[in-house]
């Protein structure tokens, strides 16, 4: 009988480790959908700032393998800490380059700025915990990941030559 009890405990622990991140995402998604439905909003109604993106490569980047990379080579993965009660810390943008992964940029959850959410919190439409849940939801939402990847690609490919004024023309 102790063997069966030990097996059940081990199975429960393994299930907790395997499904805790998935459950965290689903619970956050359900809570955020309820909040947004109550407010009559959609996830794409909440703009956010890209200003706090931290880049791990030089910008603009003229490395041909980075500069000419297609959109499908970029990957946005949510950065978690912990296994039993995982917490979202940010979003990592990576580039698959010649069978290896290069970290390109990172957006921390603490530095994610969404003025609409901050206004709702100030007006009392959402609580502090709802504010945190919505920020986590926005950071991990597929549309947000696409927008952040597009911004990273835009920064990698930007042309800074227009910033320099030719002294002959001045």
Foldseek 3Di string as FASTA:
>chain_A
DVVVVVVVVVVVVVCLQVCQVVVVLVVLVVLLVVLCVVVVHDLVVWDKDPVQKAFPDDWQAPPCQLLVDDLVQKDKDFDWDDRNNIDTFWIWIWGCGPNDIDTTIIDTLVNIGTPVLVVCCVVVSDDPVSSSSSSVNSRPPPVNVSVNSVVSSCGNNPDCPVVDDDPVVD
